[in-house]
Amino acid sequence: MTRRLHASCARLPLAVNKLDTPNKLDELWEFYQLGLGDPFPISATHGHGTGDLLDEVVDHLRKVDCSFEDEEDDGHTINVAIIGRPNAGKS
């Protein structure tokens, strides 16, 4: 999967969830091995880091033409992938 992401040359914000204690980020370092840039440590339960991730997503969307004025398919799509271990709360 990582090879496909690298081959796409897409700009990817990588969110790492379940980092519930903002000062304890030891688990974050293993995600640098993916080579996808700086991961965003978040806790969906407590809301830590979600604002930084949202800022990154909004910044990226501003750089993409996302006008929905005409309903014709212009070939521009925004793809989102939520990847993780089975039964780890991705829903």
PDB file of N, CA and C in Angstrom:
ATOM      1  N   MET A   1       0.819  -1.187   0.000  1.00  0.00           N
ATOM      2  CA  MET A   1       0.000   0.000   0.000  1.00  0.00           C
ATOM      3  C   MET A   1       0.868   1.257   0.000  1.00  0.00           C
ATOM      4  N   THR A   2       1.913   1.270   0.808  1.00  0.00           N
ATOM      5  CA  THR A   2       2.765   2.454   0.878  1.00  0.00           C
ATOM      6  C   THR A   2       3.398   2.748  -0.466  1.00  0.00           C
ATOM      7  N   ARG A   3       3.787   1.705  -1.206  1.00  0.00           N
ATOM      8  CA  ARG A   3       4.387   1.920  -2.535  1.00  0.00           C
ATOM      9  C   ARG A   3       3.403   2.605  -3.467  1.00  0.00           C
ATOM     10  N   ARG A   4       2.144   2.221  -3.410  1.00  0.00           N
ATOM     11  CA  ARG A   4       1.133   2.851  -4.265  1.00  0.00           C
ATOM     12  C   ARG A   4       0.946   4.316  -3.899  1.00  0.00           C
ATOM     13  N   LEU A   5       1.000   4.632  -2.616  1.00  0.00           N
ATOM     14  CA  LEU A   5       0.856   6.022  -2.192  1.00  0.00           C
ATOM     15  C   LEU A   5       2.038   6.861  -2.658  1.00  0.00           C
ATOM     16  N   HIS A   6       3.247   6.307  -2.554  1.00  0.00           N
ATOM     17  CA  HIS A   6       4.426   7.031  -3.024  1.00  0.00           C
ATOM     18  C   HIS A   6       4.376   7.231  -4.538  1.00  0.00           C
ATOM     19  N   ALA A   7       3.910   6.230  -5.271  1.00  0.00           N
ATOM     20  CA  ALA A   7       3.851   6.309  -6.729  1.00  0.00           C
ATOM     21  C   ALA A   7       2.838   7.346  -7.197  1.00  0.00           C
ATOM     22  N   SER A   8       1.821   7.607  -6.392  1.00  0.00           N
ATOM     23  CA  SER A   8       0.788   8.551  -6.804  1.00  0.00           C
ATOM     24  C   SER A   8       1.270   9.995  -6.753  1.00  0.00           C
ATOM     25  N   CYS A   9       2.320  10.271  -6.017  1.00  0.00           N
ATOM     26  CA  CYS A   9       2.865  11.629  -5.855  1.00  0.00           C
ATOM     27  C   CYS A   9       1.840  12.592  -5.269  1.00  0.00           C
ATOM     28  N   ALA A  10       0.827  12.070  -4.632  1.00  0.00           N
ATOM     29  CA  ALA A  10      -0.195  12.916  -4.020  1.00  0.00           C
ATOM     30  C   ALA A  10       0.309  13.457  -2.693  1.00  0.00           C
ATOM     31  N   ARG A  11      -0.183  14.626  -2.365  1.00  0.00           N
ATOM     32  CA  ARG A  11       0.140  15.220  -1.070  1.00  0.00           C
ATOM     33  C   ARG A  11      -0.816  14.618  -0.053  1.00  0.00           C
ATOM     34  N   LEU A  12      -0.257  13.919   0.924  1.00  0.00           N
ATOM     35  CA  LEU A  12      -1.082  13.158   1.843  1.00  0.00           C
ATOM     36  C   LEU A  12      -0.910  13.620   3.276  1.00  0.00           C
ATOM     37  N   PRO A  13      -1.965  14.126   3.908  1.00  0.00           N
ATOM     38  CA  PRO A  13      -1.862  14.330   5.348  1.00  0.00           C
ATOM     39  C   PRO A  13      -2.098  13.001   6.050  1.00  0.00           C
ATOM     40  N   LEU A  14      -1.156  12.594   6.869  1.00  0.00           N
ATOM     41  CA  LEU A  14      -1.238  11.318   7.575  1.00  0.00           C
ATOM     42  C   LEU A  14      -1.671  11.586   9.003  1.00  0.00           C
ATOM     43  N   ALA A  15      -2.863  11.143   9.373  1.00  0.00           N
ATOM     44  CA  ALA A  15      -3.370  11.307  10.732  1.00  0.00           C
ATOM     45  C   ALA A  15      -3.151  10.013  11.495  1.00  0.00           C
ATOM     46  N   VAL A  16      -2.611  10.136  12.692  1.00  0.00           N
ATOM     47  CA  VAL A  16      -2.387   8.980  13.554  1.00  0.00           C
ATOM     48  C   VAL A  16      -3.289   9.159  14.771  1.00  0.00           C
ATOM     49  N   ASN A  17      -4.306   8.329  14.855  1.00  0.00           N
ATOM     50  CA  ASN A  17      -5.309   8.436  15.913  1.00  0.00           C
ATOM     51  C   ASN A  17      -4.911   7.633  17.149  1.00  0.00           C
ATOM     52  N   LYS A  18      -5.659   7.847  18.208  1.00  0.00           N
ATOM     53  CA  LYS A  18      -5.513   7.151  19.488  1.00  0.00           C
ATOM     54  C   LYS A  18      -4.256   7.572  20.241  1.00  0.00           C
ATOM     55  N   LEU A  19      -3.765   8.779  19.970  1.00  0.00           N
ATOM     56  CA  LEU A  19      -2.671   9.347  20.751  1.00  0.00           C
ATOM     57  C   LEU A  19      -3.316  10.301  21.752  1.00  0.00           C
ATOM     58  N   ASP A  20      -3.897   9.713  22.794  1.00  0.00           N
ATOM     59  CA  ASP A  20      -4.764  10.435  23.718  1.00  0.00           C
ATOM     60  C   ASP A  20      -4.032  11.386  24.660  1.00  0.00           C
ATOM     61  N   THR A  21      -2.743  11.183  24.870  1.00  0.00           N
ATOM     62  CA  THR A  21      -1.973  12.056  25.753  1.00  0.00           C
ATOM     63  C   THR A  21      -1.047  12.911  24.896  1.00  0.00           C
ATOM     64  N   PRO A  22      -1.318  14.206  24.770  1.00  0.00           N
ATOM     65  CA  PRO A  22      -0.532  15.061  23.863  1.00  0.00           C
ATOM     66  C   PRO A  22       0.972  15.067  24.154  1.00  0.00           C
ATOM     67  N   ASN A  23       1.364  14.922  25.400  1.00  0.00           N
ATOM     68  CA  ASN A  23       2.791  14.970  25.749  1.00  0.00           C
ATOM     69  C   ASN A  23       3.502  13.640  25.562  1.00  0.00           C
ATOM     70  N   LYS A  24       2.770  12.559  25.365  1.00  0.00           N
ATOM     71  CA  LYS A  24       3.367  11.237  25.196  1.00  0.00           C
ATOM     72  C   LYS A  24       3.164  10.780  23.759  1.00  0.00           C
ATOM     73  N   LEU A  25       4.149  11.052  22.924  1.00  0.00           N
ATOM     74  CA  LEU A  25       4.026  10.768  21.496  1.00  0.00           C
ATOM     75  C   LEU A  25       5.023   9.711  21.041  1.00  0.00           C
ATOM     76  N   ASP A  26       5.425   8.811  21.937  1.00  0.00           N
ATOM     77  CA  ASP A  26       6.402   7.782  21.577  1.00  0.00           C
ATOM     78  C   ASP A  26       5.935   6.926  20.401  1.00  0.00           C
ATOM     79  N   GLU A  27       4.627   6.644  20.355  1.00  0.00           N
ATOM     80  CA  GLU A  27       4.095   5.779  19.303  1.00  0.00           C
ATOM     81  C   GLU A  27       4.119   6.443  17.931  1.00  0.00           C
ATOM     82  N   LEU A  28       4.243   7.753  17.907  1.00  0.00           N
ATOM     83  CA  LEU A  28       4.190   8.503  16.650  1.00  0.00           C
ATOM     84  C   LEU A  28       5.392   8.225  15.756  1.00  0.00           C
ATOM     85  N   TRP A  29       6.539   7.971  16.344  1.00  0.00           N
ATOM     86  CA  TRP A  29       7.782   7.870  15.576  1.00  0.00           C
ATOM     87  C   TRP A  29       7.767   6.737  14.564  1.00  0.00           C
ATOM     88  N   GLU A  30       7.067   5.653  14.823  1.00  0.00           N
ATOM     89  CA  GLU A  30       7.052   4.549  13.867  1.00  0.00           C
ATOM     90  C   GLU A  30       6.370   4.922  12.549  1.00  0.00           C
ATOM     91  N   PHE A  31       5.523   5.953  12.573  1.00  0.00           N
ATOM     92  CA  PHE A  31       4.817   6.356  11.362  1.00  0.00           C
ATOM     93  C   PHE A  31       5.687   7.177  10.418  1.00  0.00           C
ATOM     94  N   TYR A  32       6.802   7.696  10.902  1.00  0.00           N
ATOM     95  CA  TYR A  32       7.754   8.373  10.019  1.00  0.00           C
ATOM     96  C   TYR A  32       8.382   7.378   9.043  1.00  0.00           C
ATOM     97  N   GLN A  33       8.422   6.099   9.409  1.00  0.00           N
ATOM     98  CA  GLN A  33       8.990   5.070   8.538  1.00  0.00           C
ATOM     99  C   GLN A  33       8.197   4.912   7.244  1.00  0.00           C
ATOM    100  N   LEU A  34       6.958   5.343   7.235  1.00  0.00           N
ATOM    101  CA  LEU A  34       6.146   5.247   6.022  1.00  0.00           C
ATOM    102  C   LEU A  34       6.627   6.206   4.942  1.00  0.00           C
ATOM    103  N   GLY A  35       7.383   7.225   5.335  1.00  0.00           N
ATOM    104  CA  GLY A  35       7.911   8.174   4.358  1.00  0.00           C
ATOM    105  C   GLY A  35       6.856   9.096   3.772  1.00  0.00           C
ATOM    106  N   LEU A  36       5.792   9.363   4.514  1.00  0.00           N
ATOM    107  CA  LEU A  36       4.703  10.199   4.018  1.00  0.00           C
ATOM    108  C   LEU A  36       4.724  11.595   4.635  1.00  0.00           C
ATOM    109  N   GLY A  37       5.836  11.974   5.225  1.00  0.00           N
ATOM    110  CA  GLY A  37       5.949  13.292   5.839  1.00  0.00           C
ATOM    111  C   GLY A  37       5.618  13.266   7.312  1.00  0.00           C
ATOM    112  N   ASP A  38       5.404  14.448   7.861  1.00  0.00           N
ATOM    113  CA  ASP A  38       5.109  14.573   9.286  1.00  0.00           C
ATOM    114  C   ASP A  38       3.685  14.113   9.576  1.00  0.00           C
ATOM    115  N   PRO A  39       3.538  13.094  10.423  1.00  0.00           N
ATOM    116  CA  PRO A  39       2.189  12.649  10.776  1.00  0.00           C
ATOM    117  C   PRO A  39       1.521  13.635  11.733  1.00  0.00           C
ATOM    118  N   PHE A  40       0.204  13.695  11.674  1.00  0.00           N
ATOM    119  CA  PHE A  40      -0.580  14.520  12.570  1.00  0.00           C
ATOM    120  C   PHE A  40      -1.069  13.645  13.719  1.00  0.00           C
ATOM    121  N   PRO A  41      -0.540  13.847  14.924  1.00  0.00           N
ATOM    122  CA  PRO A  41      -1.031  13.059  16.064  1.00  0.00           C
ATOM    123  C   PRO A  41      -2.388  13.591  16.503  1.00  0.00           C
ATOM    124  N   ILE A  42      -3.388  12.725  16.529  1.00  0.00           N
ATOM    125  CA  ILE A  42      -4.722  13.159  16.938  1.00  0.00           C
ATOM    126  C   ILE A  42      -5.316  12.182  17.935  1.00  0.00           C
ATOM    127  N   SER A  43      -6.295  12.659  18.642  1.00  0.00           N
ATOM    128  CA  SER A  43      -7.134  11.818  19.487  1.00  0.00           C
ATOM    129  C   SER A  43      -8.570  12.194  19.164  1.00  0.00           C
ATOM    130  N   ALA A  44      -9.246  11.334  18.447  1.00  0.00           N
ATOM    131  CA  ALA A  44     -10.638  11.608  18.091  1.00  0.00           C
ATOM    132  C   ALA A  44     -11.505  11.655  19.343  1.00  0.00           C
ATOM    133  N   THR A  45     -11.162  10.867  20.346  1.00  0.00           N
ATOM    134  CA  THR A  45     -11.938  10.835  21.580  1.00  0.00           C
ATOM    135  C   THR A  45     -11.866  12.159  22.326  1.00  0.00           C
ATOM    136  N   HIS A  46     -10.657  12.711  22.449  1.00  0.00           N
ATOM    137  CA  HIS A  46     -10.450  13.927  23.234  1.00  0.00           C
ATOM    138  C   HIS A  46     -10.345  15.191  22.378  1.00  0.00           C
ATOM    139  N   GLY A  47     -10.237  15.035  21.067  1.00  0.00           N
ATOM    140  CA  GLY A  47     -10.154  16.175  20.173  1.00  0.00           C
ATOM    141  C   GLY A  47      -8.767  16.772  20.019  1.00  0.00           C
ATOM    142  N   HIS A  48      -7.757  16.153  20.626  1.00  0.00           N
ATOM    143  CA  HIS A  48      -6.395  16.673  20.508  1.00  0.00           C
ATOM    144  C   HIS A  48      -5.898  16.555  19.067  1.00  0.00           C
ATOM    145  N   GLY A  49      -5.342  17.634  18.540  1.00  0.00           N
ATOM    146  CA  GLY A  49      -4.721  17.618  17.224  1.00  0.00           C
ATOM    147  C   GLY A  49      -5.671  17.675  16.053  1.00  0.00           C
ATOM    148  N   THR A  50      -6.958  17.577  16.290  1.00  0.00           N
ATOM    149  CA  THR A  50      -7.898  17.554  15.171  1.00  0.00           C
ATOM    150  C   THR A  50      -7.972  18.904  14.463  1.00  0.00           C
ATOM    151  N   GLY A  51      -7.753  19.978  15.203  1.00  0.00           N
ATOM    152  CA  GLY A  51      -7.754  21.306  14.581  1.00  0.00           C
ATOM    153  C   GLY A  51      -6.612  21.470  13.600  1.00  0.00           C
ATOM    154  N   ASP A  52      -5.416  20.977  13.965  1.00  0.00           N
ATOM    155  CA  ASP A  52      -4.266  21.051  13.063  1.00  0.00           C
ATOM    156  C   ASP A  52      -4.515  20.231  11.795  1.00  0.00           C
ATOM    157  N   LEU A  53      -5.103  19.049  11.969  1.00  0.00           N
ATOM    158  CA  LEU A  53      -5.421  18.214  10.808  1.00  0.00           C
ATOM    159  C   LEU A  53      -6.456  18.907   9.926  1.00  0.00           C
ATOM    160  N   LEU A  54      -7.475  19.484  10.529  1.00  0.00           N
ATOM    161  CA  LEU A  54      -8.505  20.189   9.763  1.00  0.00           C
ATOM    162  C   LEU A  54      -7.909  21.368   8.998  1.00  0.00           C
ATOM    163  N   ASP A  55      -7.008  22.112   9.635  1.00  0.00           N
ATOM    164  CA  ASP A  55      -6.336  23.218   8.943  1.00  0.00           C
ATOM    165  C   ASP A  55      -5.588  22.730   7.712  1.00  0.00           C
ATOM    166  N   GLU A  56      -4.906  21.600   7.826  1.00  0.00           N
ATOM    167  CA  GLU A  56      -4.161  21.034   6.698  1.00  0.00           C
ATOM    168  C   GLU A  56      -5.106  20.605   5.578  1.00  0.00           C
ATOM    169  N   VAL A  57      -6.213  19.973   5.921  1.00  0.00           N
ATOM    170  CA  VAL A  57      -7.181  19.525   4.921  1.00  0.00           C
ATOM    171  C   VAL A  57      -7.803  20.730   4.213  1.00  0.00           C
ATOM    172  N   VAL A  58      -8.203  21.742   4.967  1.00  0.00           N
ATOM    173  CA  VAL A  58      -8.797  22.941   4.367  1.00  0.00           C
ATOM    174  C   VAL A  58      -7.785  23.640   3.464  1.00  0.00           C
ATOM    175  N   ASP A  59      -6.530  23.735   3.912  1.00  0.00           N
ATOM    176  CA  ASP A  59      -5.486  24.346   3.089  1.00  0.00           C
ATOM    177  C   ASP A  59      -5.329  23.596   1.767  1.00  0.00           C
ATOM    178  N   HIS A  60      -5.366  22.270   1.838  1.00  0.00           N
ATOM    179  CA  HIS A  60      -5.246  21.459   0.625  1.00  0.00           C
ATOM    180  C   HIS A  60      -6.455  21.660  -0.289  1.00  0.00           C
ATOM    181  N   LEU A  61      -7.658  21.719   0.286  1.00  0.00           N
ATOM    182  CA  LEU A  61      -8.868  21.898  -0.528  1.00  0.00           C
ATOM    183  C   LEU A  61      -8.903  23.257  -1.205  1.00  0.00           C
ATOM    184  N   ARG A  62      -8.316  24.261  -0.568  1.00  0.00           N
ATOM    185  CA  ARG A  62      -8.269  25.590  -1.189  1.00  0.00           C
ATOM    186  C   ARG A  62      -7.394  25.594  -2.441  1.00  0.00           C
ATOM    187  N   LYS A  63      -6.431  24.699  -2.490  1.00  0.00           N
ATOM    188  CA  LYS A  63      -5.528  24.630  -3.636  1.00  0.00           C
ATOM    189  C   LYS A  63      -6.123  23.824  -4.784  1.00  0.00           C
ATOM    190  N   VAL A  64      -7.218  23.122  -4.515  1.00  0.00           N
ATOM    191  CA  VAL A  64      -7.903  22.319  -5.527  1.00  0.00           C
ATOM    192  C   VAL A  64      -9.165  23.068  -5.927  1.00  0.00           C
ATOM    193  N   ASP A  65      -9.473  23.076  -7.213  1.00  0.00           N
ATOM    194  CA  ASP A  65     -10.694  23.733  -7.663  1.00  0.00           C
ATOM    195  C   ASP A  65     -11.883  22.887  -7.235  1.00  0.00           C
ATOM    196  N   CYS A  66     -12.576  23.335  -6.212  1.00  0.00           N
ATOM    197  CA  CYS A  66     -13.696  22.575  -5.662  1.00  0.00           C
ATOM    198  C   CYS A  66     -15.023  23.282  -5.854  1.00  0.00           C
ATOM    199  N   SER A  67     -15.156  24.029  -6.946  1.00  0.00           N
ATOM    200  CA  SER A  67     -16.430  24.702  -7.160  1.00  0.00           C
ATOM    201  C   SER A  67     -17.458  23.677  -7.611  1.00  0.00           C
ATOM    202  N   PHE A  68     -18.602  23.714  -6.978  1.00  0.00           N
ATOM    203  CA  PHE A  68     -19.654  22.752  -7.290  1.00  0.00           C
ATOM    204  C   PHE A  68     -20.836  23.451  -7.966  1.00  0.00           C
ATOM    205  N   GLU A  69     -20.559  24.559  -8.662  1.00  0.00           N
ATOM    206  CA  GLU A  69     -21.630  25.327  -9.267  1.00  0.00           C
ATOM    207  C   GLU A  69     -22.315  24.574 -10.390  1.00  0.00           C
ATOM    208  N   ASP A  70     -21.544  23.951 -11.280  1.00  0.00           N
ATOM    209  CA  ASP A  70     -22.195  23.144 -12.301  1.00  0.00           C
ATOM    210  C   ASP A  70     -22.088  21.686 -11.883  1.00  0.00           C
ATOM    211  N   GLU A  71     -23.099  20.941 -12.212  1.00  0.00           N
ATOM    212  CA  GLU A  71     -23.165  19.577 -11.713  1.00  0.00           C
ATOM    213  C   GLU A  71     -22.552  18.565 -12.663  1.00  0.00           C
ATOM    214  N   GLU A  72     -21.925  19.019 -13.731  1.00  0.00           N
ATOM    215  CA  GLU A  72     -21.270  18.095 -14.646  1.00  0.00           C
ATOM    216  C   GLU A  72     -19.995  17.569 -14.021  1.00  0.00           C
ATOM    217  N   ASP A  73     -19.673  16.331 -14.329  1.00  0.00           N
ATOM    218  CA  ASP A  73     -18.445  15.734 -13.819  1.00  0.00           C
ATOM    219  C   ASP A  73     -17.271  16.329 -14.579  1.00  0.00           C
ATOM    220  N   ASP A  74     -16.432  17.073 -13.873  1.00  0.00           N
ATOM    221  CA  ASP A  74     -15.294  17.711 -14.522  1.00  0.00           C
ATOM    222  C   ASP A  74     -14.019  16.876 -14.422  1.00  0.00           C
ATOM    223  N   GLY A  75     -14.126  15.665 -13.878  1.00  0.00           N
ATOM    224  CA  GLY A  75     -12.959  14.801 -13.770  1.00  0.00           C
ATOM    225  C   GLY A  75     -12.139  15.033 -12.511  1.00  0.00           C
ATOM    226  N   HIS A  76     -12.498  16.024 -11.703  1.00  0.00           N
ATOM    227  CA  HIS A  76     -11.787  16.295 -10.456  1.00  0.00           C
ATOM    228  C   HIS A  76     -12.487  15.553  -9.325  1.00  0.00           C
ATOM    229  N   THR A  77     -11.756  14.769  -8.637  1.00  0.00           N
ATOM    230  CA  THR A  77     -12.310  14.072  -7.485  1.00  0.00           C
ATOM    231  C   THR A  77     -11.364  14.235  -6.305  1.00  0.00           C
ATOM    232  N   ILE A  78     -11.910  14.132  -5.151  1.00  0.00           N
ATOM    233  CA  ILE A  78     -11.131  14.152  -3.921  1.00  0.00           C
ATOM    234  C   ILE A  78     -11.259  12.771  -3.313  1.00  0.00           C
ATOM    235  N   ASN A  79     -10.152  12.097  -3.167  1.00  0.00           N
ATOM    236  CA  ASN A  79     -10.151  10.759  -2.605  1.00  0.00           C
ATOM    237  C   ASN A  79      -9.707  10.809  -1.151  1.00  0.00           C
ATOM    238  N   VAL A  80     -10.400  10.062  -0.328  1.00  0.00           N
ATOM    239  CA  VAL A  80     -10.078   9.963   1.091  1.00  0.00           C
ATOM    240  C   VAL A  80      -9.951   8.491   1.427  1.00  0.00           C
ATOM    241  N   ALA A  81      -8.902   8.129   2.150  1.00  0.00           N
ATOM    242  CA  ALA A  81      -8.724   6.746   2.587  1.00  0.00           C
ATOM    243  C   ALA A  81      -8.539   6.729   4.091  1.00  0.00           C
ATOM    244  N   ILE A  82      -9.291   5.884   4.748  1.00  0.00           N
ATOM    245  CA  ILE A  82      -9.128   5.667   6.179  1.00  0.00           C
ATOM    246  C   ILE A  82      -8.610   4.249   6.318  1.00  0.00           C
ATOM    247  N   ILE A  83      -7.350   4.152   6.714  1.00  0.00           N
ATOM    248  CA  ILE A  83      -6.660   2.872   6.734  1.00  0.00           C
ATOM    249  C   ILE A  83      -6.280   2.544   8.152  1.00  0.00           C
ATOM    250  N   GLY A  84      -6.436   1.297   8.532  1.00  0.00           N
ATOM    251  CA  GLY A  84      -6.052   0.901   9.878  1.00  0.00           C
ATOM    252  C   GLY A  84      -6.281  -0.574  10.109  1.00  0.00           C
ATOM    253  N   ARG A  85      -5.967  -0.966  11.291  1.00  0.00           N
ATOM    254  CA  ARG A  85      -6.151  -2.371  11.681  1.00  0.00           C
ATOM    255  C   ARG A  85      -7.639  -2.709  11.758  1.00  0.00           C
ATOM    256  N   PRO A  86      -7.984  -3.969  11.527  1.00  0.00           N
ATOM    257  CA  PRO A  86      -9.384  -4.374  11.653  1.00  0.00           C
ATOM    258  C   PRO A  86      -9.923  -4.110  13.052  1.00  0.00           C
ATOM    259  N   ASN A  87     -11.173  -3.714  13.129  1.00  0.00           N
ATOM    260  CA  ASN A  87     -11.867  -3.482  14.401  1.00  0.00           C
ATOM    261  C   ASN A  87     -11.152  -2.478  15.288  1.00  0.00           C
ATOM    262  N   ALA A  88     -10.560  -1.460  14.672  1.00  0.00           N
ATOM    263  CA  ALA A  88      -9.835  -0.449  15.456  1.00  0.00           C
ATOM    264  C   ALA A  88     -10.583   0.874  15.526  1.00  0.00           C
ATOM    265  N   GLY A  89     -11.857   0.894  15.151  1.00  0.00           N
ATOM    266  CA  GLY A  89     -12.662   2.093  15.298  1.00  0.00           C
ATOM    267  C   GLY A  89     -12.592   3.079  14.148  1.00  0.00           C
ATOM    268  N   LYS A  90     -12.378   2.611  12.920  1.00  0.00           N
ATOM    269  CA  LYS A  90     -12.290   3.514  11.779  1.00  0.00           C
ATOM    270  C   LYS A  90     -13.652   4.076  11.390  1.00  0.00           C
ATOM    271  N   SER A  91     -14.710   3.401  11.775  1.00  0.00           N
ATOM    272  CA  SER A  91     -16.043   3.883  11.386  1.00  0.00           C
ATOM    273  C   SER A  91     -16.407   5.110  12.180  1.00  0.00           C
TER     274      SER A  91
END
